C-alpha atoms as a PDB file:
ATOM      1  CA  MET A   1       0.000   0.000   0.000  1.00  0.00           C
ATOM      2  CA  ILE A   2       1.225   3.475  -0.900  1.00  0.00           C
ATOM      3  CA  ARG A   3       1.145   5.802   2.104  1.00  0.00           C
ATOM      4  CA  LEU A   4       1.687   9.479   1.343  1.00  0.00           C
ATOM      5  CA  GLY A   5       1.113  12.643   3.311  1.00  0.00           C
ATOM      6  CA  LEU A   6       1.673  16.299   4.022  1.00  0.00           C
ATOM      7  CA  THR A   7       3.385  17.841   7.016  1.00  0.00           C
ATOM      8  CA  GLY A   8       3.221  21.462   8.103  1.00  0.00           C
ATOM      9  CA  TYR A   9       1.138  23.701  10.345  1.00  0.00           C
ATOM     10  CA  PRO A  10      -1.706  24.502  10.133  1.00  0.00           C
ATOM     11  CA  LEU A  11      -3.140  22.045   7.624  1.00  0.00           C
ATOM     12  CA  GLY A  12      -6.903  22.476   7.872  1.00  0.00           C
ATOM     13  CA  HIS A  13      -7.024  24.429   4.607  1.00  0.00           C
ATOM     14  CA  SER A  14      -5.165  21.841   2.515  1.00  0.00           C
ATOM     15  CA  PHE A  15      -6.657  20.399  -0.675  1.00  0.00           C
ATOM     16  CA  SER A  16      -3.743  17.963  -1.114  1.00  0.00           C
ATOM     17  CA  PRO A  17      -5.605  14.876   0.207  1.00  0.00           C
ATOM     18  CA  LEU A  18      -8.312  15.407  -2.430  1.00  0.00           C
ATOM     19  CA  LEU A  19      -5.756  15.763  -5.213  1.00  0.00           C
ATOM     20  CA  HIS A  20      -3.706  12.707  -4.354  1.00  0.00           C
ATOM     21  CA  ALA A  21      -6.704  10.504  -3.553  1.00  0.00           C
ATOM     22  CA  ALA A  22      -8.002  11.306  -7.045  1.00  0.00           C
ATOM     23  CA  ALA A  23      -4.596  10.528  -8.564  1.00  0.00           C
ATOM     24  CA  LEU A  24      -4.347   7.204  -6.745  1.00  0.00           C
ATOM     25  CA  ARG A  25      -7.827   6.206  -7.969  1.00  0.00           C
ATOM     26  CA  ALA A  26      -7.069   7.278 -11.542  1.00  0.00           C
ATOM     27  CA  CYS A  27      -3.929   5.124 -11.561  1.00  0.00           C
ATOM     28  CA  ASP A  28      -5.724   2.219  -9.855  1.00  0.00           C
ATOM     29  CA  LEU A  29      -3.231   2.285  -6.984  1.00  0.00           C
ATOM     30  CA  ASP A  30      -3.999   1.153  -3.453  1.00  0.00           C
ATOM     31  CA  GLY A  31      -2.991   4.038  -1.246  1.00  0.00           C
ATOM     32  CA  GLU A  32      -3.833   6.933   1.027  1.00  0.00           C
ATOM     33  CA  TYR A  33      -2.737  10.514   1.609  1.00  0.00           C
ATOM     34  CA  SER A  34      -2.858  11.813   5.183  1.00  0.00           C
ATOM     35  CA  LEU A  35      -2.200  15.089   6.998  1.00  0.00           C
ATOM     36  CA  TYR A  36       0.541  15.169   9.644  1.00  0.00           C
ATOM     37  CA  SER A  37       0.247  18.419  11.560  1.00  0.00           C
ATOM     38  CA  VAL A  38       3.507  19.425  13.247  1.00  0.00           C
ATOM     39  CA  PRO A  39       3.755  22.872  14.890  1.00  0.00           C
ATOM     40  CA  PRO A  40       6.835  25.068  14.353  1.00  0.00           C
ATOM     41  CA  GLU A  41       8.447  23.955  17.606  1.00  0.00           C
ATOM     42  CA  GLY A  42       7.878  20.242  16.913  1.00  0.00           C
ATOM     43  CA  THR A  43      11.418  19.316  15.884  1.00  0.00           C
ATOM     44  CA  SER A  44      11.343  15.869  17.471  1.00  0.00           C
ATOM     45  CA  ALA A  45       7.917  15.093  15.979  1.00  0.00           C
ATOM     46  CA  LEU A  46       9.187  16.141  12.556  1.00  0.00           C
ATOM     47  CA  ALA A  47      12.246  13.897  12.901  1.00  0.00           C
ATOM     48  CA  GLU A  48      10.038  11.003  13.965  1.00  0.00           C
ATOM     49  CA  LEU A  49       7.760  11.521  10.961  1.00  0.00           C
ATOM     50  CA  LEU A  50      10.693  11.527   8.547  1.00  0.00           C
ATOM     51  CA  GLY A  51      11.931   8.385  10.226  1.00  0.00           C
ATOM     52  CA  ARG A  52       8.744   6.670   9.046  1.00  0.00           C
ATOM     53  CA  VAL A  53       9.722   7.475   5.465  1.00  0.00           C
ATOM     54  CA  ARG A  54      13.210   6.122   6.099  1.00  0.00           C
ATOM     55  CA  THR A  55      11.806   2.793   7.355  1.00  0.00           C
ATOM     56  CA  GLY A  56       9.386   2.523   4.448  1.00  0.00           C
ATOM     57  CA  GLU A  57       6.265   2.892   6.563  1.00  0.00           C
ATOM     58  CA  LEU A  58       5.516   6.024   4.543  1.00  0.00           C
ATOM     59  CA  THR A  59       6.236   6.173   0.804  1.00  0.00           C
ATOM     60  CA  GLY A  60       6.737   9.921   0.710  1.00  0.00           C
ATOM     61  CA  LEU A  61       5.853  13.275   2.179  1.00  0.00           C
ATOM     62  CA  ASN A  62       4.984  16.741   1.004  1.00  0.00           C
ATOM     63  CA  VAL A  63       6.204  19.615   3.172  1.00  0.00           C
ATOM     64  CA  THR A  64       4.586  23.005   3.612  1.00  0.00           C
ATOM     65  CA  VAL A  65       5.059  25.975   5.942  1.00  0.00           C
ATOM     66  CA  PRO A  66       6.710  26.235   8.387  1.00  0.00           C
ATOM     67  CA  HIS A  67       8.941  23.222   7.653  1.00  0.00           C
ATOM     68  CA  LYS A  68      10.211  23.696   4.084  1.00  0.00           C
ATOM     69  CA  GLN A  69      13.594  24.748   5.431  1.00  0.00           C
ATOM     70  CA  SER A  70      13.624  23.104   8.861  1.00  0.00           C
ATOM     71  CA  VAL A  71      13.435  19.596   7.331  1.00  0.00           C
ATOM     72  CA  ILE A  72      16.718  20.058   5.462  1.00  0.00           C
ATOM     73  CA  PRO A  73      19.082  19.081   8.333  1.00  0.00           C
ATOM     74  CA  LEU A  74      17.046  15.876   8.758  1.00  0.00           C
ATOM     75  CA  LEU A  75      17.642  14.714   5.176  1.00  0.00           C
ATOM     76  CA  ASP A  76      20.556  12.806   3.644  1.00  0.00           C
ATOM     77  CA  GLU A  77      20.585  14.563   0.269  1.00  0.00           C
ATOM     78  CA  LEU A  78      18.952  17.351  -1.691  1.00  0.00           C
ATOM     79  CA  THR A  79      18.292  17.413  -5.413  1.00  0.00           C
ATOM     80  CA  PRO A  80      20.170  20.184  -7.252  1.00  0.00           C
ATOM     81  CA  ALA A  81      16.987  22.260  -7.462  1.00  0.00           C
ATOM     82  CA  ALA A  82      16.185  21.899  -3.760  1.00  0.00           C
ATOM     83  CA  ARG A  83      19.787  22.776  -2.876  1.00  0.00           C
ATOM     84  CA  ALA A  84      19.735  25.904  -5.034  1.00  0.00           C
ATOM     85  CA  ILE A  85      16.338  26.954  -3.683  1.00  0.00           C
ATOM     86  CA  GLY A  86      17.156  26.171  -0.068  1.00  0.00           C
ATOM     87  CA  ALA A  87      13.697  24.720   0.561  1.00  0.00           C
ATOM     88  CA  VAL A  88      12.044  21.303   0.244  1.00  0.00           C
ATOM     89  CA  ASN A  89       8.431  20.400  -0.495  1.00  0.00           C
ATOM     90  CA  THR A  90       8.779  16.727  -1.474  1.00  0.00           C
ATOM     91  CA  ILE A  91      10.571  13.921   0.384  1.00  0.00           C
ATOM     92  CA  PHE A  92      11.233  10.377  -0.795  1.00  0.00           C
ATOM     93  CA  LEU A  93      13.534   7.430  -0.110  1.00  0.00           C
ATOM     94  CA  LYS A  94      16.034   6.287  -2.728  1.00  0.00           C
ATOM     95  CA  ASP A  95      18.919   3.848  -2.233  1.00  0.00           C
ATOM     96  CA  GLU A  96      18.230   3.962   1.520  1.00  0.00           C
ATOM     97  CA  LYS A  97      18.748   7.729   1.511  1.00  0.00           C
ATOM     98  CA  LEU A  98      16.182  10.313   2.501  1.00  0.00           C
ATOM     99  CA  ILE A  99      16.083  12.856  -0.324  1.00  0.00           C
ATOM    100  CA  GLY A 100      14.503  16.296  -0.471  1.00  0.00           C
ATOM    101  CA  ASP A 101      13.221  17.761  -3.725  1.00  0.00           C
ATOM    102  CA  ASN A 102      11.276  20.876  -4.703  1.00  0.00           C
ATOM    103  CA  THR A 103       8.403  20.656  -7.185  1.00  0.00           C
ATOM    104  CA  ASP A 104       7.134  24.148  -6.323  1.00  0.00           C
ATOM    105  CA  ALA A 105       9.492  25.839  -8.792  1.00  0.00           C
ATOM    106  CA  PRO A 106       8.592  23.839 -11.925  1.00  0.00           C
ATOM    107  CA  GLY A 107       4.960  23.724 -10.798  1.00  0.00           C
ATOM    108  CA  PHE A 108       4.852  27.505 -10.532  1.00  0.00           C
ATOM    109  CA  LEU A 109       6.441  28.057 -13.936  1.00  0.00           C
ATOM    110  CA  ALA A 110       4.123  25.552 -15.628  1.00  0.00           C
ATOM    111  CA  ASP A 111       1.021  27.318 -14.347  1.00  0.00           C
ATOM    112  CA  LEU A 112       2.418  30.836 -14.759  1.00  0.00           C
ATOM    113  CA  LYS A 113       2.484  30.367 -18.537  1.00  0.00           C
ATOM    114  CA  LYS A 114      -1.336  30.385 -18.500  1.00  0.00           C
ATOM    115  CA  LEU A 115      -1.258  33.928 -17.055  1.00  0.00           C
ATOM    116  CA  ILE A 116       1.796  35.542 -18.646  1.00  0.00           C
ATOM    117  CA  ASP A 117       4.422  34.173 -20.993  1.00  0.00           C
ATOM    118  CA  ASP A 118       8.078  34.916 -20.301  1.00  0.00           C
ATOM    119  CA  PRO A 119       7.924  37.960 -17.956  1.00  0.00           C
ATOM    120  CA  ARG A 120      11.094  40.039 -17.943  1.00  0.00           C
ATOM    121  CA  SER A 121      10.578  41.723 -14.561  1.00  0.00           C
ATOM    122  CA  ALA A 122       8.872  40.527 -11.384  1.00  0.00           C
ATOM    123  CA  LEU A 123       8.100  41.711  -7.874  1.00  0.00           C
ATOM    124  CA  VAL A 124       7.919  38.882  -5.324  1.00  0.00           C
ATOM    125  CA  LEU A 125       6.111  39.560  -2.057  1.00  0.00           C
ATOM    126  CA  GLY A 126       7.556  37.601   0.862  1.00  0.00           C
ATOM    127  CA  ALA A 127      10.835  35.805   1.482  1.00  0.00           C
ATOM    128  CA  GLY A 128       9.931  32.425   2.997  1.00  0.00           C
ATOM    129  CA  GLY A 129      10.169  28.894   1.605  1.00  0.00           C
ATOM    130  CA  ALA A 130       7.632  29.476  -1.172  1.00  0.00           C
ATOM    131  CA  ALA A 131       9.398  32.684  -2.184  1.00  0.00           C
ATOM    132  CA  ARG A 132      12.658  30.779  -2.537  1.00  0.00           C
ATOM    133  CA  ALA A 133      11.103  28.464  -5.133  1.00  0.00           C
ATOM    134  CA  VAL A 134       9.461  31.336  -7.024  1.00  0.00           C
ATOM    135  CA  VAL A 135      12.609  33.494  -7.079  1.00  0.00           C
ATOM    136  CA  TYR A 136      14.685  30.512  -8.222  1.00  0.00           C
ATOM    137  CA  ALA A 137      12.225  29.713 -11.013  1.00  0.00           C
ATOM    138  CA  LEU A 138      11.954  33.296 -12.229  1.00  0.00           C
ATOM    139  CA  HIS A 139      15.688  33.943 -12.025  1.00  0.00           C
ATOM    140  CA  LYS A 140      16.475  30.747 -13.911  1.00  0.00           C
ATOM    141  CA  SER A 141      14.072  31.788 -16.669  1.00  0.00           C
ATOM    142  CA  GLY A 142      15.944  35.085 -17.098  1.00  0.00           C
ATOM    143  CA  CYS A 143      13.550  37.354 -15.246  1.00  0.00           C
ATOM    144  CA  GLU A 144      14.777  40.379 -13.276  1.00  0.00           C
ATOM    145  CA  VAL A 145      13.479  39.935  -9.719  1.00  0.00           C
ATOM    146  CA  VAL A 146      12.850  42.297  -6.803  1.00  0.00           C
ATOM    147  CA  ILE A 147      11.896  40.765  -3.445  1.00  0.00           C
ATOM    148  CA  ALA A 148       9.742  42.887  -1.127  1.00  0.00           C
ATOM    149  CA  ALA A 149       9.219  41.755   2.458  1.00  0.00           C
ATOM    150  CA  ARG A 150       8.376  43.287   5.807  1.00  0.00           C
ATOM    151  CA  ARG A 151      11.419  41.464   7.216  1.00  0.00           C
ATOM    152  CA  VAL A 152      13.868  43.013   4.772  1.00  0.00           C
ATOM    153  CA  GLU A 153      16.802  41.128   6.313  1.00  0.00           C
ATOM    154  CA  GLN A 154      15.192  37.838   5.286  1.00  0.00           C
ATOM    155  CA  ALA A 155      14.578  39.201   1.798  1.00  0.00           C
ATOM    156  CA  ALA A 156      18.197  40.350   1.532  1.00  0.00           C
ATOM    157  CA  GLU A 157      19.442  36.901   2.575  1.00  0.00           C
ATOM    158  CA  LEU A 158      17.333  35.320  -0.165  1.00  0.00           C
ATOM    159  CA  ALA A 159      18.378  37.889  -2.783  1.00  0.00           C
ATOM    160  CA  ALA A 160      22.039  37.215  -2.005  1.00  0.00           C
ATOM    161  CA  ARG A 161      21.618  33.621  -3.238  1.00  0.00           C
ATOM    162  CA  PHE A 162      21.093  34.815  -6.810  1.00  0.00           C
ATOM    163  CA  PRO A 163      22.898  37.313  -9.058  1.00  0.00           C
ATOM    164  CA  ASN A 164      20.953  40.427 -10.055  1.00  0.00           C
ATOM    165  CA  VAL A 165      18.177  39.898  -7.509  1.00  0.00           C
ATOM    166  CA  ARG A 166      17.594  42.684  -5.017  1.00  0.00           C
ATOM    167  CA  ALA A 167      15.573  43.162  -1.849  1.00  0.00           C
ATOM    168  CA  ILE A 168      13.437  46.089  -0.654  1.00  0.00           C
ATOM    169  CA  PRO A 169      11.128  46.687   2.299  1.00  0.00           C
ATOM    170  CA  LEU A 170       7.457  46.001   1.578  1.00  0.00           C
ATOM    171  CA  SER A 171       5.921  49.472   1.949  1.00  0.00           C
ATOM    172  CA  ILE A 172       4.020  52.101  -0.024  1.00  0.00           C
ATOM    173  CA  GLU A 173       7.168  54.205  -0.307  1.00  0.00           C
ATOM    174  CA  THR A 174       9.333  51.469  -1.838  1.00  0.00           C
ATOM    175  CA  LEU A 175       6.612  50.238  -4.201  1.00  0.00           C
ATOM    176  CA  ASP A 176       5.798  53.716  -5.512  1.00  0.00           C
ATOM    177  CA  GLY A 177       6.893  53.926  -9.139  1.00  0.00           C
ATOM    178  CA  LEU A 178       8.288  50.390  -9.171  1.00  0.00           C
ATOM    179  CA  HIS A 179       7.845  48.716 -12.562  1.00  0.00           C
ATOM    180  CA  ALA A 180       7.106  45.013 -12.821  1.00  0.00           C
ATOM    181  CA  GLN A 181       5.377  42.898 -15.442  1.00  0.00           C
ATOM    182  CA  LEU A 182       4.513  40.320 -12.799  1.00  0.00           C
ATOM    183  CA  ILE A 183       3.646  40.473  -9.082  1.00  0.00           C
ATOM    184  CA  VAL A 184       3.757  37.214  -7.117  1.00  0.00           C
ATOM    185  CA  ASN A 185       2.450  36.892  -3.570  1.00  0.00           C
ATOM    186  CA  THR A 186       4.277  34.104  -1.729  1.00  0.00           C
ATOM    187  CA  THR A 187       3.070  35.057   1.766  1.00  0.00           C
ATOM    188  CA  SER A 188       0.133  33.422   3.558  1.00  0.00           C
ATOM    189  CA  VAL A 189      -1.659  36.769   3.947  1.00  0.00           C
ATOM    190  CA  GLY A 190      -5.205  36.442   2.652  1.00  0.00           C
ATOM    191  CA  MET A 191      -5.437  32.723   3.399  1.00  0.00           C
ATOM    192  CA  PHE A 192      -8.603  31.113   4.760  1.00  0.00           C
ATOM    193  CA  HIS A 193      -8.121  32.358   8.318  1.00  0.00           C
ATOM    194  CA  ASP A 194      -7.659  36.031   7.335  1.00  0.00           C
ATOM    195  CA  THR A 195      -9.488  36.445   4.045  1.00  0.00           C
ATOM    196  CA  ASP A 196     -10.105  40.136   4.718  1.00  0.00           C
ATOM    197  CA  LYS A 197      -6.381  40.901   4.480  1.00  0.00           C
ATOM    198  CA  SER A 198      -4.065  41.577   1.549  1.00  0.00           C
ATOM    199  CA  PRO A 199      -0.255  41.582   1.329  1.00  0.00           C
ATOM    200  CA  TRP A 200      -0.439  44.641  -0.928  1.00  0.00           C
ATOM    201  CA  PRO A 201       0.005  47.817   1.175  1.00  0.00           C
ATOM    202  CA  SER A 202      -3.195  49.826   1.528  1.00  0.00           C
ATOM    203  CA  GLY A 203      -3.138  52.879  -0.716  1.00  0.00           C
ATOM    204  CA  ALA A 204      -0.322  51.650  -2.950  1.00  0.00           C
ATOM    205  CA  ALA A 205      -0.939  51.694  -6.712  1.00  0.00           C
ATOM    206  CA  PHE A 206      -0.287  48.598  -8.790  1.00  0.00           C
ATOM    207  CA  PRO A 207       2.247  48.853 -11.628  1.00  0.00           C
ATOM    208  CA  ASP A 208       0.523  49.518 -14.952  1.00  0.00           C
ATOM    209  CA  ASN A 209      -0.366  46.403 -16.974  1.00  0.00           C
ATOM    210  CA  ALA A 210       1.141  43.996 -14.444  1.00  0.00           C
ATOM    211  CA  ALA A 211      -0.145  40.446 -14.007  1.00  0.00           C
ATOM    212  CA  VAL A 212      -0.747  39.232 -10.441  1.00  0.00           C
ATOM    213  CA  TYR A 213      -0.207  35.660  -9.266  1.00  0.00           C
ATOM    214  CA  ASP A 214      -1.263  34.847  -5.696  1.00  0.00           C
ATOM    215  CA  LEU A 215       0.115  31.541  -4.415  1.00  0.00           C
ATOM    216  CA  VAL A 216      -2.721  31.434  -1.863  1.00  0.00           C
ATOM    217  CA  TYR A 217      -5.404  29.061  -3.191  1.00  0.00           C
ATOM    218  CA  ASN A 218      -7.894  28.942  -0.321  1.00  0.00           C
ATOM    219  CA  PRO A 219     -10.018  30.982  -0.828  1.00  0.00           C
ATOM    220  CA  ARG A 220      -9.927  30.660  -4.607  1.00  0.00           C
ATOM    221  CA  GLU A 221     -10.345  34.391  -5.027  1.00  0.00           C
ATOM    222  CA  THR A 222      -8.282  36.279  -2.461  1.00  0.00           C
ATOM    223  CA  LEU A 223      -8.581  39.937  -1.589  1.00  0.00           C
ATOM    224  CA  LEU A 224      -5.338  40.565  -3.513  1.00  0.00           C
ATOM    225  CA  VAL A 225      -6.808  38.952  -6.640  1.00  0.00           C
ATOM    226  CA  ARG A 226      -9.961  41.070  -6.292  1.00  0.00           C
ATOM    227  CA  GLN A 227      -7.898  44.237  -5.771  1.00  0.00           C
ATOM    228  CA  ALA A 228      -5.798  43.528  -8.854  1.00  0.00           C
ATOM    229  CA  ARG A 229      -8.799  42.796 -11.044  1.00  0.00           C
ATOM    230  CA  ALA A 230     -10.532  45.953  -9.807  1.00  0.00           C
ATOM    231  CA  ALA A 231      -7.443  47.840 -10.990  1.00  0.00           C
ATOM    232  CA  GLY A 232      -7.857  46.291 -14.439  1.00  0.00           C
ATOM    233  CA  LEU A 233      -5.078  43.711 -14.072  1.00  0.00           C
ATOM    234  CA  ARG A 234      -5.054  40.008 -14.885  1.00  0.00           C
ATOM    235  CA  ALA A 235      -4.885  38.006 -11.655  1.00  0.00           C
ATOM    236  CA  VAL A 236      -5.138  34.367 -10.564  1.00  0.00           C
ATOM    237  CA  SER A 237      -4.822  32.324  -7.378  1.00  0.00           C
ATOM    238  CA  GLY A 238      -2.416  29.454  -6.771  1.00  0.00           C
ATOM    239  CA  LEU A 239      -4.784  26.566  -7.528  1.00  0.00           C
ATOM    240  CA  GLY A 240      -3.009  25.785 -10.794  1.00  0.00           C
ATOM    241  CA  MET A 241       0.393  25.706  -9.125  1.00  0.00           C
ATOM    242  CA  LEU A 242      -1.043  23.474  -6.384  1.00  0.00           C
ATOM    243  CA  VAL A 243      -2.101  20.955  -9.013  1.00  0.00           C
ATOM    244  CA  GLU A 244       1.155  21.155 -10.966  1.00  0.00           C
ATOM    245  CA  GLN A 245       3.444  20.659  -7.949  1.00  0.00           C
ATOM    246  CA  ALA A 246       1.232  17.841  -6.655  1.00  0.00           C
ATOM    247  CA  ALA A 247       1.308  16.008  -9.997  1.00  0.00           C
ATOM    248  CA  LEU A 248       5.103  16.261 -10.130  1.00  0.00           C
ATOM    249  CA  ALA A 249       5.441  14.944  -6.558  1.00  0.00           C
ATOM    250  CA  PHE A 250       3.045  12.086  -7.332  1.00  0.00           C
ATOM    251  CA  GLU A 251       5.222  11.076 -10.267  1.00  0.00           C
ATOM    252  CA  ILE A 252       8.341  11.087  -8.069  1.00  0.00           C
ATOM    253  CA  TRP A 253       6.679   8.790  -5.515  1.00  0.00           C
ATOM    254  CA  THR A 254       4.861   6.393  -7.842  1.00  0.00           C
ATOM    255  CA  GLY A 255       6.570   6.679 -11.225  1.00  0.00           C
ATOM    256  CA  ARG A 256       3.140   7.352 -12.724  1.00  0.00           C
ATOM    257  CA  LYS A 257       2.190  10.453 -14.684  1.00  0.00           C
ATOM    258  CA  ILE A 258      -1.203  11.897 -13.854  1.00  0.00           C
ATOM    259  CA  GLU A 259      -3.443  13.978 -16.081  1.00  0.00           C
ATOM    260  CA  ARG A 260      -3.856  17.414 -14.504  1.00  0.00           C
ATOM    261  CA  ALA A 261      -7.544  17.297 -15.412  1.00  0.00           C
ATOM    262  CA  VAL A 262      -8.000  14.497 -12.844  1.00  0.00           C
ATOM    263  CA  MET A 263      -6.811  16.759 -10.042  1.00  0.00           C
ATOM    264  CA  HIS A 264      -8.696  19.792 -11.303  1.00  0.00           C
ATOM    265  CA  GLU A 265     -11.872  17.706 -11.338  1.00  0.00           C
ATOM    266  CA  ALA A 266     -11.227  16.707  -7.707  1.00  0.00           C
ATOM    267  CA  LEU A 267     -11.036  20.386  -6.748  1.00  0.00           C
ATOM    268  CA  LYS A 268     -14.631  20.825  -7.834  1.00  0.00           C
ATOM    269  CA  GLN A 269     -15.578  19.088  -4.573  1.00  0.00           C
ATOM    270  CA  THR A 270     -14.318  22.112  -2.651  1.00  0.00           C
ATOM    271  CA  ALA A 271     -16.179  25.345  -2.060  1.00  0.00           C
ATOM    272  CA  PRO A 272     -15.969  27.873  -4.909  1.00  0.00           C
END
């Protein structure tokens, strides 16, 4: 039996069990996908959970906030992408080694093409684990990237990992007059527990003709997406990226490719 799961905190908003249950059924595989909630301070619980992958009790794990970076010392190896990003969202066992990978970056790029093709300049909001994957993906595709975060020291540390990426504080003053073809929100602001909030500073104008991609997918239409559309901009949530990264992780664990339409159909079970 294939036993998969997601670890992070909190997990009540996650659609991942729906996606992977649908994928397992479509591939006629006997398996399950469970949620393993581990709070930020749960280092021993996280190590114990990864130990279950090492023994084969679990086939693989997805990782979400706040553990995309904290799992790294518990792993034996990182794929080149995960090493360059400095964050892990997929864990599997190979040759008795616990390996960390990152499907967020290719998943983001695959879905981004539906919104905007080949952006040359981007503003990334936030500097956490998700931001690392987005900045890596955009930088690798030749895009000029500016990272804006309230904790500018964290943004500067991330920017220093890549040539020609710079960091600024996230404020009205620093965003005023800033040009970007693409704005990507990688923070959790606007998620299900605070849907009345937006990461975009109140009173700040959006860059003209920018496209907005919000990694938050629950709710499907965040306040940021509504603000951007009201300003006449194209804007989408992160549901497409969720599906893309999940399909890539599923292939790593099972060796089976899954039609994205299967996962998108499963999402219809959730609230609009």
